[in-house]
Amino acid sequence: MKRLVQDLLADAVQRAWPDIDTPAAPHVERTRDAAHGDFASNIAMTLTKTLRRNPREIAQTIVDTLADDEQIAQVEIAGPGFINFFLASAAFRATIDEVLAAGAAYGRSHTGAGQKVMIEFVSANPTGPLHVGHGRGAAVGDCLARLFEATGFDVTREFYYNDAGAQIANLAVSVQARAKGITPENDAWPTDGYRGDYIADVAAAYLAGETVAADDREVTGAGDADNLNAIREFAVAYLRREQDADLKAFAVDFDVYSLESALYSEGRVERTVQSLIDAGHTYEADGALWLKTTDFGDDKDRVMRKAEGGYTYFVPDVAYHVGKWERGYTRAINEQGADHHGTIARVRAGLQALDIGIPKGWPDYVLHQMVTVMRAGEEVKLSKRAGSYVTLRDLIDEVGRDATRYFLAARKPDSQQTFDIDLARSQSEENPVYYIQYAHARICSVVGQLAERDMTYSREAGDLARLDSPHEQRLITAISRFPELVETAATDFAPQAVAHYLRDLADAFHSYYNAQQFLVDDAALRNARLALVFATRQVLANGLKLLGVSAPEQM
């Protein structure tokens, strides 16, 4: 319906002023107040400068030129020149048949036109089990991928393993210490060593000569507690396997795994640094190599190669993103923790300095804030397995995958989040996951009730014009919003919008369920109401799928 209004406006402007550039999709939005119609557009104001006319005059010309359409009941001009559209009730009711005909495809579009987009998310250091912050990144990133797929993009999910640097060195010496019988309570324990019980598990597997498979490679424990390189290789593979198991338990899969270590072994970091030097955007000072990031909007220049040797964090990131660009990803999105905020300007500056055609502002970033886990009003801080944080697996074991995914995706990523375990486990309308899934299960139960009452359902036998109660109008309006909601959520990187929408849709359905009977003797009315609730069930299922949450048939 939004596209209908946009098409009518574009056509009217084209016919009224054929010599100006007509926007293909004029700005149209749903109104917040029903007194102002169903949709409103500010197109008259946007054309004021071009046409050099009063916006209300422009609006009047557009309204006078609009083609007649039976789905539009009324058009009004309001305020400085807004054009308000009141849709006919039949236009909304037509949504029911649209949903039933499209099924699982309802809400999907071809907006992306097959454009390649890479969404990189989680990208945890392989130094321990995934924590709840990684879980939030996994939920948000996977939902974004689902949204972009639903809007017609060719999506690749990528995980970038930071398997090089100081943290990996700390992992190796921690496992080595355990392999030699040293515990965290011992004075000989490494200063920055990892203390969780999982380190003991890695050491035991290494000493036992266990073979672990991580992605496309296998590593076997050498059993030699003095071979630090072998320990490092085994520990990374072991923890990559563990993280992969955590993600599979979370129903998150990746298409591509990239390794930071490969950027060095394949010479990509050195080539990138040399290209930056050749481009004239570097200089030597205080024994270090600097990048002139201030030339590209950064607040100060940044060290690339430290005086004591070794590259700073953002340099391999630049090399990694060059690889993304070379692989044809003109659209790339990084979902990362808020602690990566400081590297964004540096990475983008490095990419601009290379002058290889990468546009300013590429890639896009979605940063999520930390998660605080609460139980019985108190913060849960520790996991025995991890030693210093709550793991994603802990949360899944406590409340289930569906609740974990929903709650972690349901808040705007850049806002702090409190995860209430007690709420996530509750079976009440206060728990949005339960409330939404219960709506779907309730509708499924209607099918069984039909058989029990020896009744049948036929869409063709239903008279949708009979759906005129406030509850029915609210529900029809809600399901009609779904396609534009999906597009907006993808455009705005806002999976939380889907979660909130489903909560509202479930509320509209439960209110309807409690207010009116569906299985009435009047066949025309019964079949119309069933058509509406079955369409609602479809939209609930489609929306839950975008969040990676199941749609149970019974609860």
Protein backbone atom coordinates (compact mmCIF):
# COMPACT_ATOMS: atom_id res chain seq x y z
CA MET A 1 0.00 0.00 0.00
CA LYS A 2 2.89 2.33 0.65
CA ARG A 3 4.21 1.59 -2.84
CA LEU A 4 0.76 2.29 -4.27
CA VAL A 5 0.82 5.78 -2.75
CA GLN A 6 4.39 6.36 -3.94
CA ASP A 7 3.52 5.29 -7.48
CA LEU A 8 0.46 7.53 -7.58
CA LEU A 9 2.50 10.52 -6.40
CA ALA A 10 5.37 9.90 -8.82
CA ASP A 11 2.91 9.59 -11.70
CA ALA A 12 1.09 12.79 -10.73
CA VAL A 13 4.31 14.81 -10.47
CA GLN A 14 5.52 13.46 -13.81
CA ARG A 15 2.27 14.44 -15.53
CA ALA A 16 2.04 17.84 -13.84
CA TRP A 17 5.68 18.82 -14.48
CA PRO A 18 7.15 16.56 -17.18
CA ASP A 19 10.34 18.61 -17.46
CA ILE A 20 11.63 18.03 -13.90
CA ASP A 21 13.33 15.00 -12.45
CA THR A 22 10.64 12.97 -10.74
CA PRO A 23 11.61 10.97 -7.65
CA ALA A 24 10.98 7.29 -8.37
CA ALA A 25 9.93 6.68 -4.78
CA PRO A 26 8.65 9.89 -3.12
CA HIS A 27 8.93 10.00 0.65
CA VAL A 28 5.80 8.45 2.16
CA GLU A 29 5.27 7.41 5.76
CA ARG A 30 2.47 6.05 7.87
CA THR A 31 0.75 8.64 9.99
CA ARG A 32 0.74 8.42 13.77
CA ASP A 33 -2.73 9.90 14.05
CA ALA A 34 -5.60 8.26 12.14
CA ALA A 35 -7.20 11.71 11.82
CA HIS A 36 -4.38 12.54 9.37
CA GLY A 37 -5.07 9.52 7.20
CA ASP A 38 -3.11 6.33 6.72
CA PHE A 39 -0.12 7.70 4.79
CA ALA A 40 1.37 11.17 4.38
CA SER A 41 3.95 12.67 2.03
CA ASN A 42 6.03 15.84 2.14
CA ILE A 43 6.75 15.77 -1.60
CA ALA A 44 5.23 19.22 -2.14
CA MET A 45 7.74 20.78 0.27
CA THR A 46 10.65 18.99 -1.39
CA LEU A 47 9.66 20.45 -4.77
CA THR A 48 9.37 24.04 -3.54
CA LYS A 49 12.90 25.06 -4.53
CA THR A 50 12.71 23.36 -7.92
CA LEU A 51 9.29 24.78 -8.88
CA ARG A 52 9.63 28.08 -6.97
CA ARG A 53 6.05 27.88 -5.82
CA ASN A 54 4.21 27.76 -2.52
CA PRO A 55 4.16 24.15 -1.23
CA ARG A 56 0.39 24.18 -0.69
CA GLU A 57 -0.09 25.24 -4.31
CA ILE A 58 2.19 22.41 -5.41
CA ALA A 59 0.27 20.00 -3.20
CA GLN A 60 -3.03 21.13 -4.70
CA THR A 61 -1.74 20.59 -8.23
CA ILE A 62 -0.52 17.10 -7.30
CA VAL A 63 -3.87 16.21 -5.71
CA ASP A 64 -5.77 17.51 -8.74
CA THR A 65 -3.55 15.41 -11.02
CA LEU A 66 -3.65 12.16 -9.03
CA ALA A 67 -5.06 9.24 -10.98
CA ASP A 68 -8.22 7.72 -9.56
CA ASP A 69 -7.73 4.52 -7.64
CA GLU A 70 -10.46 2.57 -5.89
CA GLN A 71 -8.05 1.78 -3.04
CA ILE A 72 -7.80 5.48 -2.13
CA ALA A 73 -10.87 6.75 -0.29
CA GLN A 74 -9.79 10.35 0.26
CA VAL A 75 -6.82 12.71 -0.16
CA GLU A 76 -6.33 15.89 1.89
CA ILE A 77 -3.79 18.70 2.10
CA ALA A 78 -2.67 19.57 5.61
CA GLY A 79 -0.40 22.11 7.30
CA PRO A 80 2.29 23.68 5.10
CA GLY A 81 1.67 21.20 2.28
CA PHE A 82 1.53 17.62 3.52
CA ILE A 83 -0.58 15.32 1.38
CA ASN A 84 -2.56 12.85 3.48
CA PHE A 85 -4.00 9.67 2.02
CA PHE A 86 -6.98 7.82 3.49
CA LEU A 87 -7.15 4.28 2.17
CA ALA A 88 -10.38 2.45 1.50
CA SER A 89 -11.19 -0.38 3.89
CA ALA A 90 -11.12 -2.78 0.94
CA ALA A 91 -7.47 -1.90 0.34
CA PHE A 92 -6.52 -3.08 3.81
CA ARG A 93 -8.65 -6.20 3.59
CA ALA A 94 -6.94 -7.12 0.32
CA THR A 95 -3.79 -7.61 2.41
CA ILE A 96 -5.31 -10.79 3.85
CA ASP A 97 -5.42 -12.47 0.46
CA GLU A 98 -1.98 -11.11 -0.36
CA VAL A 99 -0.53 -12.77 2.76
CA LEU A 100 -2.31 -16.06 2.16
CA ALA A 101 -1.17 -16.17 -1.46
CA ALA A 102 2.45 -15.24 -0.75
CA GLY A 103 2.86 -17.46 2.31
CA ALA A 104 6.48 -17.55 3.51
CA ALA A 105 7.38 -14.97 0.84
CA TYR A 106 5.13 -12.28 2.32
CA GLY A 107 7.32 -9.39 3.43
CA ARG A 108 10.17 -10.30 1.11
CA SER A 109 11.19 -7.95 -1.70
CA HIS A 110 13.73 -7.45 -4.47
CA THR A 111 15.00 -4.09 -3.23
CA GLY A 112 18.59 -5.31 -3.12
CA ALA A 113 18.42 -6.53 -6.73
CA GLY A 114 20.93 -9.28 -6.00
CA GLN A 115 23.69 -6.89 -4.87
CA LYS A 116 26.47 -8.67 -2.99
CA VAL A 117 26.78 -7.73 0.66
CA MET A 118 29.14 -9.17 3.26
CA ILE A 119 28.08 -9.12 6.88
CA GLU A 120 30.96 -9.83 9.23
CA PHE A 121 29.98 -10.55 12.81
CA VAL A 122 31.06 -12.24 16.03
CA SER A 123 34.74 -12.36 14.89
CA ALA A 124 35.87 -13.37 18.36
CA ASN A 125 39.45 -14.05 19.39
CA PRO A 126 39.81 -17.85 19.65
CA THR A 127 40.94 -17.61 23.27
CA GLY A 128 37.92 -18.98 25.11
CA PRO A 129 34.19 -19.73 25.01
CA LEU A 130 31.93 -17.09 23.50
CA HIS A 131 30.56 -14.68 26.10
CA VAL A 132 27.14 -13.02 26.08
CA GLY A 133 28.56 -9.97 24.30
CA HIS A 134 29.56 -12.25 21.43
CA GLY A 135 26.06 -13.68 21.66
CA ARG A 136 24.55 -10.24 21.17
CA GLY A 137 26.78 -9.74 18.14
CA ALA A 138 25.73 -13.15 16.81
CA ALA A 139 22.03 -12.39 17.25
CA VAL A 140 22.21 -8.92 15.72
CA GLY A 141 24.53 -9.96 12.88
CA ASP A 142 22.52 -13.02 11.91
CA CYS A 143 19.26 -11.05 12.01
CA LEU A 144 20.80 -8.40 9.77
CA ALA A 145 21.83 -11.12 7.33
CA ARG A 146 18.29 -12.51 7.34
CA LEU A 147 16.85 -9.02 6.77
CA PHE A 148 19.15 -8.33 3.84
CA GLU A 149 18.33 -11.72 2.33
CA ALA A 150 14.63 -10.93 2.73
CA THR A 151 15.09 -7.67 0.85
CA GLY A 152 16.81 -9.22 -2.15
CA PHE A 153 20.54 -8.99 -1.39
CA ASP A 154 23.09 -11.73 -2.04
CA VAL A 155 24.42 -12.13 1.51
CA THR A 156 27.68 -13.67 2.69
CA ARG A 157 28.18 -14.26 6.41
CA GLU A 158 31.83 -14.03 7.44
CA PHE A 159 33.71 -14.70 10.68
CA TYR A 160 37.16 -13.13 11.04
CA TYR A 161 39.37 -14.94 13.53
CA ASN A 162 41.95 -12.76 15.29
CA ASP A 163 44.35 -15.68 15.63
CA ALA A 164 47.50 -13.59 15.91
CA GLY A 165 48.91 -11.18 18.46
CA ALA A 166 49.35 -10.87 22.21
CA GLN A 167 46.10 -12.57 23.25
CA ILE A 168 46.98 -15.71 21.30
CA ALA A 169 50.42 -15.68 22.89
CA ASN A 170 48.75 -15.47 26.33
CA LEU A 171 46.52 -18.39 25.39
CA ALA A 172 49.50 -20.52 24.41
CA VAL A 173 51.45 -19.90 27.62
CA SER A 174 48.29 -20.51 29.69
CA VAL A 175 47.74 -23.92 28.09
CA GLN A 176 51.43 -24.68 28.42
CA ALA A 177 51.33 -23.88 32.13
CA ARG A 178 48.36 -26.23 32.64
CA ALA A 179 50.13 -28.90 30.59
CA LYS A 180 53.05 -28.63 33.04
CA GLY A 181 50.77 -28.96 36.05
CA ILE A 182 50.80 -25.28 37.01
CA THR A 183 47.43 -23.88 38.20
CA PRO A 184 46.21 -20.26 38.37
CA GLU A 185 46.78 -20.26 42.13
CA ASN A 186 50.50 -20.94 41.63
CA ASP A 187 52.98 -18.03 41.63
CA ALA A 188 54.41 -19.39 38.38
CA TRP A 189 51.13 -18.81 36.54
CA PRO A 190 51.55 -16.36 33.59
CA THR A 191 50.72 -12.79 34.57
CA ASP A 192 48.16 -12.34 31.79
CA GLY A 193 47.15 -16.00 31.61
CA TYR A 194 43.58 -17.21 31.11
CA ARG A 195 42.22 -18.83 34.27
CA GLY A 196 39.03 -20.61 33.21
CA ASP A 197 38.58 -24.36 33.55
CA TYR A 198 38.49 -24.63 29.76
CA ILE A 199 42.27 -24.04 29.69
CA ALA A 200 42.73 -27.26 31.66
CA ASP A 201 40.48 -29.04 29.13
CA VAL A 202 42.60 -27.79 26.22
CA ALA A 203 45.83 -28.86 27.95
CA ALA A 204 44.45 -32.32 28.74
CA ALA A 205 43.33 -32.82 25.12
CA TYR A 206 46.74 -31.67 23.86
CA LEU A 207 48.63 -34.04 26.15
CA ALA A 208 46.32 -36.92 25.17
CA GLY A 209 47.11 -36.40 21.49
CA GLU A 210 43.50 -35.62 20.61
CA THR A 211 42.73 -34.54 17.03
CA VAL A 212 40.45 -31.53 16.66
CA ALA A 213 38.83 -30.27 13.47
CA ALA A 214 38.28 -26.56 12.98
CA ASP A 215 36.64 -25.63 9.69
CA ASP A 216 38.75 -27.17 6.93
CA ARG A 217 41.78 -28.29 8.94
CA GLU A 218 42.68 -30.87 11.59
CA VAL A 219 45.28 -30.45 14.34
CA THR A 220 46.57 -33.22 16.59
CA GLY A 221 48.01 -32.60 20.03
CA ALA A 222 51.75 -33.27 20.13
CA GLY A 223 51.81 -34.07 23.82
CA ASP A 224 55.06 -32.11 24.28
CA ALA A 225 54.58 -29.49 26.99
CA ASP A 226 57.71 -27.61 25.87
CA ASN A 227 56.59 -27.14 22.23
CA LEU A 228 54.91 -23.74 22.50
CA ASN A 229 54.25 -23.44 18.77
CA ALA A 230 52.45 -26.79 18.70
CA ILE A 231 50.48 -25.80 21.79
CA ARG A 232 49.47 -22.50 20.18
CA GLU A 233 48.28 -24.19 17.00
CA PHE A 234 46.35 -26.87 18.89
CA ALA A 235 44.77 -24.42 21.35
CA VAL A 236 43.52 -22.12 18.59
CA ALA A 237 42.03 -25.06 16.67
CA TYR A 238 40.44 -26.48 19.85
CA LEU A 239 38.80 -23.18 20.79
CA ARG A 240 37.69 -22.49 17.24
CA ARG A 241 35.90 -25.83 17.39
CA GLU A 242 34.34 -24.90 20.73
CA GLN A 243 33.16 -21.52 19.45
CA ASP A 244 31.72 -23.16 16.36
CA ALA A 245 29.76 -25.53 18.61
CA ASP A 246 28.46 -22.54 20.60
CA LEU A 247 27.30 -20.85 17.40
CA LYS A 248 25.62 -24.00 16.09
CA ALA A 249 23.72 -24.23 19.39
CA PHE A 250 22.63 -20.66 18.63
CA ALA A 251 21.56 -21.56 15.06
CA VAL A 252 24.20 -19.29 13.52
CA ASP A 253 26.18 -20.45 10.51
CA PHE A 254 28.88 -18.76 8.46
CA ASP A 255 29.75 -19.00 4.79
CA VAL A 256 33.37 -17.91 5.11
CA TYR A 257 36.00 -18.00 7.87
CA SER A 258 39.00 -15.69 7.51
CA LEU A 259 42.17 -15.83 9.61
CA GLU A 260 44.23 -12.86 10.70
CA SER A 261 47.31 -15.09 10.60
CA ALA A 262 46.73 -15.70 6.88
CA LEU A 263 47.06 -11.96 6.22
CA TYR A 264 50.65 -12.22 7.43
CA SER A 265 51.53 -15.61 5.96
CA GLU A 266 50.19 -14.57 2.55
CA GLY A 267 52.01 -11.22 2.66
CA ARG A 268 48.83 -9.14 2.50
CA VAL A 269 49.78 -6.96 5.46
CA GLU A 270 53.22 -6.15 4.05
CA ARG A 271 51.78 -5.40 0.60
CA THR A 272 49.16 -3.11 2.08
CA VAL A 273 51.74 -1.22 4.14
CA GLN A 274 53.97 -0.82 1.10
CA SER A 275 51.03 0.46 -0.95
CA LEU A 276 50.33 3.09 1.71
CA ILE A 277 53.99 4.13 1.67
CA ASP A 278 53.98 4.30 -2.13
CA ALA A 279 50.80 6.43 -2.04
CA GLY A 280 52.66 9.04 0.03
CA HIS A 281 50.41 8.90 3.07
CA THR A 282 52.98 7.71 5.62
CA TYR A 283 56.00 9.15 7.43
CA GLU A 284 58.66 8.05 9.92
CA ALA A 285 58.87 9.65 13.36
CA ASP A 286 60.28 8.53 16.70
CA GLY A 287 61.36 5.27 15.13
CA ALA A 288 57.79 4.39 14.15
CA LEU A 289 55.90 4.38 10.85
CA TRP A 290 52.84 6.65 10.89
CA LEU A 291 49.77 6.93 8.66
CA LYS A 292 48.48 10.43 7.92
CA THR A 293 44.96 9.60 9.01
CA THR A 294 44.29 13.32 9.67
CA ASP A 295 44.21 13.72 5.88
CA PHE A 296 41.03 11.65 5.97
CA GLY A 297 39.17 13.14 8.91
CA ASP A 298 40.84 11.47 11.91
CA ASP A 299 41.65 13.66 14.91
CA LYS A 300 45.35 12.68 14.86
CA ASP A 301 47.78 10.57 12.87
CA ARG A 302 48.16 6.93 13.88
CA VAL A 303 51.13 4.64 14.35
CA MET A 304 51.21 1.74 11.88
CA ARG A 305 54.48 0.04 12.80
CA LYS A 306 55.68 0.48 16.36
CA ALA A 307 59.23 1.55 17.17
CA GLU A 308 59.85 -1.79 18.91
CA GLY A 309 58.50 -3.61 15.86
CA GLY A 310 55.13 -5.14 14.98
CA TYR A 311 52.03 -3.55 13.53
CA THR A 312 49.25 -1.87 15.47
CA TYR A 313 45.78 -3.36 15.60
CA PHE A 314 44.22 -1.49 12.69
CA VAL A 315 46.88 -2.33 10.07
CA PRO A 316 45.87 -5.96 9.46
CA ASP A 317 42.26 -4.74 9.55
CA VAL A 318 43.01 -2.47 6.59
CA ALA A 319 44.61 -5.38 4.73
CA TYR A 320 41.62 -7.59 5.56
CA HIS A 321 39.15 -5.04 4.21
CA VAL A 322 41.13 -4.58 1.03
CA GLY A 323 40.52 -8.29 0.54
CA LYS A 324 36.79 -7.79 1.04
CA TRP A 325 36.75 -5.09 -1.61
CA GLU A 326 38.77 -7.18 -4.03
CA ARG A 327 36.29 -10.01 -3.58
CA GLY A 328 33.59 -7.75 -4.98
CA TYR A 329 31.79 -6.67 -1.82
CA THR A 330 30.90 -3.09 -2.66
CA ARG A 331 28.55 -3.32 0.32
CA ALA A 332 30.05 -4.53 3.57
CA ILE A 333 28.71 -4.36 7.13
CA ASN A 334 30.71 -5.06 10.28
CA GLU A 335 28.77 -5.95 13.43
CA GLN A 336 31.19 -5.55 16.33
CA GLY A 337 31.42 -4.62 19.98
CA ALA A 338 31.47 -0.97 20.98
CA ASP A 339 35.14 -1.31 21.96
CA HIS A 340 35.96 -1.29 18.22
CA HIS A 341 34.71 2.29 17.89
CA GLY A 342 38.20 3.75 17.96
CA THR A 343 39.41 1.73 14.98
CA ILE A 344 36.65 2.77 12.56
CA ALA A 345 38.21 6.09 11.52
CA ARG A 346 41.66 4.50 11.20
CA VAL A 347 40.50 1.61 9.04
CA ARG A 348 38.48 3.88 6.77
CA ALA A 349 41.38 6.32 6.54
CA GLY A 350 43.73 3.51 5.54
CA LEU A 351 41.31 2.35 2.86
CA GLN A 352 40.92 5.87 1.49
CA ALA A 353 44.68 6.42 1.49
CA LEU A 354 45.16 3.40 -0.78
CA ASP A 355 43.17 5.22 -3.50
CA ILE A 356 41.80 2.02 -5.07
CA GLY A 357 38.22 3.19 -5.54
CA ILE A 358 36.80 2.38 -2.12
CA PRO A 359 34.11 4.97 -1.33
CA LYS A 360 34.28 7.16 1.74
CA GLY A 361 32.38 5.63 4.64
CA TRP A 362 32.95 2.04 3.52
CA PRO A 363 32.42 -0.34 5.26
CA ASP A 364 29.32 0.24 7.38
CA TYR A 365 29.55 -0.49 11.08
CA VAL A 366 26.95 -1.64 13.59
CA LEU A 367 28.35 -1.55 17.13
CA HIS A 368 26.68 -3.21 20.10
CA GLN A 369 27.04 -2.35 23.76
CA MET A 370 27.69 -4.73 26.64
CA VAL A 371 25.11 -7.06 28.16
CA THR A 372 24.45 -7.32 31.90
CA VAL A 373 22.93 -10.66 32.94
CA MET A 374 20.58 -10.61 35.94
CA ARG A 375 18.99 -13.36 38.02
CA ALA A 376 16.73 -12.75 41.05
CA GLY A 377 17.60 -9.06 40.89
CA GLU A 378 21.35 -9.61 41.08
CA GLU A 379 24.01 -9.47 38.39
CA VAL A 380 25.46 -12.79 37.25
CA LYS A 381 29.16 -12.24 36.58
CA LEU A 382 31.02 -15.52 36.49
CA SER A 383 30.97 -18.86 34.74
CA LYS A 384 32.98 -21.75 36.20
CA ARG A 385 33.87 -22.87 32.70
CA ALA A 386 35.10 -19.47 31.54
CA GLY A 387 36.35 -18.20 34.87
CA SER A 388 35.63 -14.52 34.42
CA TYR A 389 32.44 -14.01 32.40
CA VAL A 390 29.03 -15.46 31.54
CA THR A 391 29.19 -17.58 28.40
CA LEU A 392 26.70 -17.69 25.57
CA ARG A 393 26.24 -21.40 26.22
CA ASP A 394 25.35 -20.65 29.87
CA LEU A 395 22.56 -18.38 28.69
CA ILE A 396 21.23 -20.85 26.12
CA ASP A 397 21.24 -23.61 28.74
CA GLU A 398 19.37 -21.35 31.17
CA VAL A 399 16.59 -19.93 28.98
CA GLY A 400 16.75 -21.71 25.62
CA ARG A 401 17.88 -20.60 22.19
CA ASP A 402 14.68 -18.79 21.19
CA ALA A 403 14.55 -16.54 24.23
CA THR A 404 18.28 -15.85 24.04
CA ARG A 405 18.12 -14.84 20.38
CA TYR A 406 15.01 -12.70 20.81
CA PHE A 407 16.21 -10.81 23.88
CA LEU A 408 19.68 -10.14 22.46
CA ALA A 409 18.21 -8.79 19.21
CA ALA A 410 15.29 -6.88 20.76
CA ARG A 411 17.14 -3.76 21.85
CA LYS A 412 18.88 -1.20 19.68
CA PRO A 413 22.47 -2.47 19.39
CA ASP A 414 24.10 0.74 20.60
CA SER A 415 22.12 0.75 23.85
CA GLN A 416 23.17 -0.98 27.04
CA GLN A 417 21.26 -4.20 27.66
CA THR A 418 20.10 -5.98 30.76
CA PHE A 419 19.23 -9.64 30.20
CA ASP A 420 16.77 -10.78 32.86
CA ILE A 421 16.99 -14.58 33.11
CA ASP A 422 13.84 -14.80 35.23
CA LEU A 423 11.81 -12.83 32.68
CA ALA A 424 13.18 -14.89 29.78
CA ARG A 425 12.12 -18.11 31.53
CA SER A 426 8.65 -16.93 32.51
CA GLN A 427 5.48 -18.06 30.76
CA SER A 428 3.51 -14.84 30.89
CA GLU A 429 2.60 -11.94 28.68
CA GLU A 430 5.47 -9.97 30.24
CA ASN A 431 7.86 -12.29 28.39
CA PRO A 432 7.64 -11.09 24.76
CA VAL A 433 9.03 -14.34 23.33
CA TYR A 434 6.41 -16.45 25.08
CA TYR A 435 3.67 -13.92 24.21
CA ILE A 436 4.54 -13.96 20.49
CA GLN A 437 5.02 -17.72 20.22
CA TYR A 438 1.81 -18.30 22.17
CA ALA A 439 -0.08 -16.20 19.62
CA HIS A 440 1.19 -18.46 16.83
CA ALA A 441 0.37 -21.62 18.78
CA ARG A 442 -3.09 -20.31 19.64
CA ILE A 443 -3.90 -19.84 15.98
CA CYS A 444 -2.63 -23.34 15.18
CA SER A 445 -4.98 -24.71 17.82
CA VAL A 446 -7.93 -23.22 15.93
CA VAL A 447 -7.38 -25.79 13.18
CA GLY A 448 -7.89 -28.58 15.70
CA GLN A 449 -10.99 -26.89 17.05
CA LEU A 450 -12.44 -26.77 13.54
CA ALA A 451 -12.30 -30.54 13.28
CA GLU A 452 -13.65 -31.02 16.79
CA ARG A 453 -16.71 -28.90 15.93
CA ASP A 454 -17.17 -30.57 12.55
CA MET A 455 -16.60 -27.24 10.78
CA THR A 456 -14.61 -26.44 7.65
CA TYR A 457 -12.62 -23.47 6.41
CA SER A 458 -12.85 -22.00 2.92
CA ARG A 459 -11.37 -18.65 2.07
CA GLU A 460 -13.67 -18.37 -0.96
CA ALA A 461 -16.68 -18.74 1.31
CA GLY A 462 -15.61 -15.86 3.53
CA ASP A 463 -16.85 -12.29 3.19
CA LEU A 464 -13.94 -10.03 4.14
CA ALA A 465 -16.25 -7.01 4.12
CA ARG A 466 -17.66 -8.40 7.37
CA LEU A 467 -14.33 -7.68 9.10
CA ASP A 468 -15.28 -4.28 10.41
CA SER A 469 -14.72 -4.39 14.17
CA PRO A 470 -11.97 -2.23 15.76
CA HIS A 471 -10.03 -5.39 16.72
CA GLU A 472 -10.14 -6.65 13.15
CA GLN A 473 -9.17 -3.30 11.70
CA ARG A 474 -6.23 -3.09 14.09
CA LEU A 475 -5.03 -6.57 13.15
CA ILE A 476 -5.41 -6.02 9.40
CA THR A 477 -3.53 -2.73 9.63
CA ALA A 478 -0.75 -4.44 11.60
CA ILE A 479 -0.20 -7.25 9.07
CA SER A 480 -0.26 -4.73 6.21
CA ARG A 481 2.74 -2.95 7.79
CA PHE A 482 5.01 -5.99 7.66
CA PRO A 483 6.63 -5.58 4.20
CA GLU A 484 7.65 -1.97 4.78
CA LEU A 485 8.76 -2.87 8.30
CA VAL A 486 11.17 -5.45 6.87
CA GLU A 487 12.61 -2.99 4.36
CA THR A 488 13.03 -0.27 6.97
CA ALA A 489 14.64 -2.66 9.47
CA ALA A 490 17.20 -3.70 6.84
CA THR A 491 17.89 -0.13 5.72
CA ASP A 492 18.30 1.13 9.30
CA PHE A 493 20.26 -1.94 10.56
CA ALA A 494 17.49 -2.37 13.11
CA PRO A 495 16.52 -5.98 13.86
CA GLN A 496 14.99 -4.70 17.09
CA ALA A 497 12.22 -3.17 14.96
CA VAL A 498 11.13 -6.69 13.94
CA ALA A 499 11.07 -7.81 17.57
CA HIS A 500 8.93 -4.84 18.62
CA TYR A 501 6.61 -5.27 15.64
CA LEU A 502 5.97 -8.92 16.49
CA ARG A 503 5.16 -7.98 20.09
CA ASP A 504 2.60 -5.46 18.85
CA LEU A 505 1.15 -7.93 16.32
CA ALA A 506 0.81 -10.60 19.00
CA ASP A 507 -0.91 -8.09 21.28
CA ALA A 508 -3.37 -7.19 18.52
CA PHE A 509 -4.14 -10.86 17.97
CA HIS A 510 -4.56 -11.76 21.65
CA SER A 511 -6.93 -8.80 22.07
CA TYR A 512 -8.93 -10.01 19.07
CA TYR A 513 -8.94 -13.61 20.35
CA ASN A 514 -10.27 -12.51 23.74
CA ALA A 515 -12.89 -10.18 22.27
CA GLN A 516 -14.55 -12.25 19.53
CA GLN A 517 -15.36 -15.80 18.57
CA PHE A 518 -13.87 -17.17 15.36
CA LEU A 519 -15.80 -20.42 15.01
CA VAL A 520 -19.28 -18.97 14.65
CA ASP A 521 -22.16 -20.65 12.80
CA ASP A 522 -22.32 -17.86 10.20
CA ALA A 523 -20.07 -19.43 7.54
CA ALA A 524 -19.32 -16.19 5.68
CA LEU A 525 -18.21 -14.47 8.88
CA ARG A 526 -16.41 -17.54 10.25
CA ASN A 527 -14.34 -17.99 7.10
CA ALA A 528 -13.51 -14.29 6.92
CA ARG A 529 -12.27 -14.29 10.52
CA LEU A 530 -10.29 -17.47 9.96
CA ALA A 531 -8.70 -15.97 6.86
CA LEU A 532 -7.58 -13.04 9.00
CA VAL A 533 -6.14 -15.15 11.81
CA PHE A 534 -4.40 -17.53 9.40
CA ALA A 535 -2.84 -14.53 7.67
CA THR A 536 -1.73 -13.32 11.09
CA ARG A 537 -0.17 -16.71 11.81
CA GLN A 538 1.80 -16.47 8.57
CA VAL A 539 3.15 -13.03 9.40
CA LEU A 540 4.10 -14.14 12.91
CA ALA A 541 6.01 -17.10 11.45
CA ASN A 542 7.72 -14.94 8.82
CA GLY A 543 8.76 -12.36 11.41
CA LEU A 544 10.04 -14.95 13.88
CA LYS A 545 12.13 -16.50 11.11
CA LEU A 546 13.85 -13.14 10.56
CA LEU A 547 14.92 -13.31 14.21
CA GLY A 548 15.94 -16.96 14.01
CA VAL A 549 13.22 -17.86 16.52
CA SER A 550 10.92 -20.85 16.12
CA ALA A 551 7.16 -20.63 15.57
CA PRO A 552 5.74 -23.51 17.68
CA GLU A 553 2.39 -25.05 16.80
CA GLN A 554 1.60 -25.90 20.40
CA MET A 555 2.79 -24.71 23.81
